[in-house]
C-alpha cells in the first residue's frame, strides 16, 4: 500500500477528484475519504499535494521525490 493513512479528512473530495487512478473514494457512511483501491496507486502525490488539510500520508518506503519541471 502506498497511501499509509488518511487522518483528519474533512470530506471535501479534493483527493478523489485529483487522483488519476481512482484509488480514493468518499465513504457514503462517514462522508470522508477512504483508500478503496490501494494497489492502483501510482505514487503521484496529487492527493497529498491538493489536500487542503494535509490529511494524507504516503508510505515512506514507497515514496519517491516529487519531480517538477519548472523553477
Protein backbone atom coordinates (compact mmCIF):
# COMPACT_ATOMS: atom_id res chain seq x y z
CA UNK A 1 0.00 0.00 0.00
CA UNK A 2 1.35 3.41 -0.93
CA UNK A 3 -1.06 5.68 0.93
CA UNK A 4 -0.28 4.95 4.56
CA UNK A 5 -3.26 6.70 6.11
CA UNK A 6 -5.89 9.38 5.84
CA UNK A 7 -6.18 11.22 9.13
CA UNK A 8 -8.19 14.36 9.74
CA UNK A 9 -10.17 14.21 6.50
CA UNK A 10 -12.87 16.89 6.22
CA UNK A 11 -14.71 15.14 3.37
CA UNK A 12 -14.17 17.81 0.72
CA UNK A 13 -13.47 15.23 -2.01
CA UNK A 14 -10.48 17.03 -3.48
CA UNK A 15 -8.27 13.93 -3.26
CA UNK A 16 -10.91 11.83 -5.04
CA UNK A 17 -11.16 14.38 -7.85
CA UNK A 18 -7.39 14.72 -8.32
CA UNK A 19 -6.45 11.01 -8.23
CA UNK A 20 -5.79 9.90 -11.84
CA UNK A 21 -6.20 6.20 -10.98
CA UNK A 22 -9.33 6.41 -8.77
CA UNK A 23 -7.66 4.99 -5.67
CA UNK A 24 -9.70 7.08 -3.27
CA UNK A 25 -13.45 7.24 -2.72
CA UNK A 26 -15.77 9.07 -0.34
CA UNK A 27 -17.30 6.64 2.16
CA UNK A 28 -21.09 7.02 1.96
CA UNK A 29 -21.48 6.45 5.71
CA UNK A 30 -18.72 8.67 7.11
CA UNK A 31 -18.60 11.16 4.20
CA UNK A 32 -14.80 11.04 4.41
CA UNK A 33 -12.12 9.77 2.02
CA UNK A 34 -11.15 6.11 2.13
CA UNK A 35 -8.46 4.10 0.34
CA UNK A 36 -10.58 1.91 -1.95
CA UNK A 37 -8.04 0.54 -4.47
CA UNK A 38 -4.56 0.78 -2.89
CA UNK A 39 -2.87 -1.47 -5.46
CA UNK A 40 -3.70 1.04 -8.21
CA UNK A 41 -1.80 3.94 -6.59
CA UNK A 42 0.94 5.31 -8.87
CA UNK A 43 2.55 7.41 -6.10
CA UNK A 44 1.95 10.66 -7.99
CA UNK A 45 1.38 12.60 -4.72
CA UNK A 46 -1.52 14.61 -6.24
CA UNK A 47 -3.92 13.61 -3.46
CA UNK A 48 -1.41 14.65 -0.82
CA UNK A 49 -0.44 17.91 -2.53
CA UNK A 50 -4.03 19.08 -3.11
CA UNK A 51 -5.48 18.04 0.26
CA UNK A 52 -6.41 21.32 1.99
CA UNK A 53 -5.85 19.88 5.48
CA UNK A 54 -2.78 17.68 4.76
CA UNK A 55 -4.71 14.56 5.82
CA UNK A 56 -2.94 12.07 3.51
CA UNK A 57 0.30 10.33 4.40
CA UNK A 58 2.29 8.44 1.74
CA UNK A 59 4.17 5.35 2.94
CA UNK A 60 7.83 6.37 3.40
CA UNK A 61 9.18 3.11 1.95
CA UNK A 62 7.17 3.62 -1.25
CA UNK A 63 7.53 7.39 -1.54
CA UNK A 64 9.61 8.93 -4.29
CA UNK A 65 10.61 12.60 -4.51
CA UNK A 66 8.13 14.85 -6.29
CA UNK A 67 9.64 15.96 -9.58
CA UNK A 68 8.63 19.27 -11.09
CA UNK A 69 9.73 20.52 -14.48
CA UNK A 70 9.84 24.18 -13.64
CA UNK A 71 11.72 26.56 -11.34
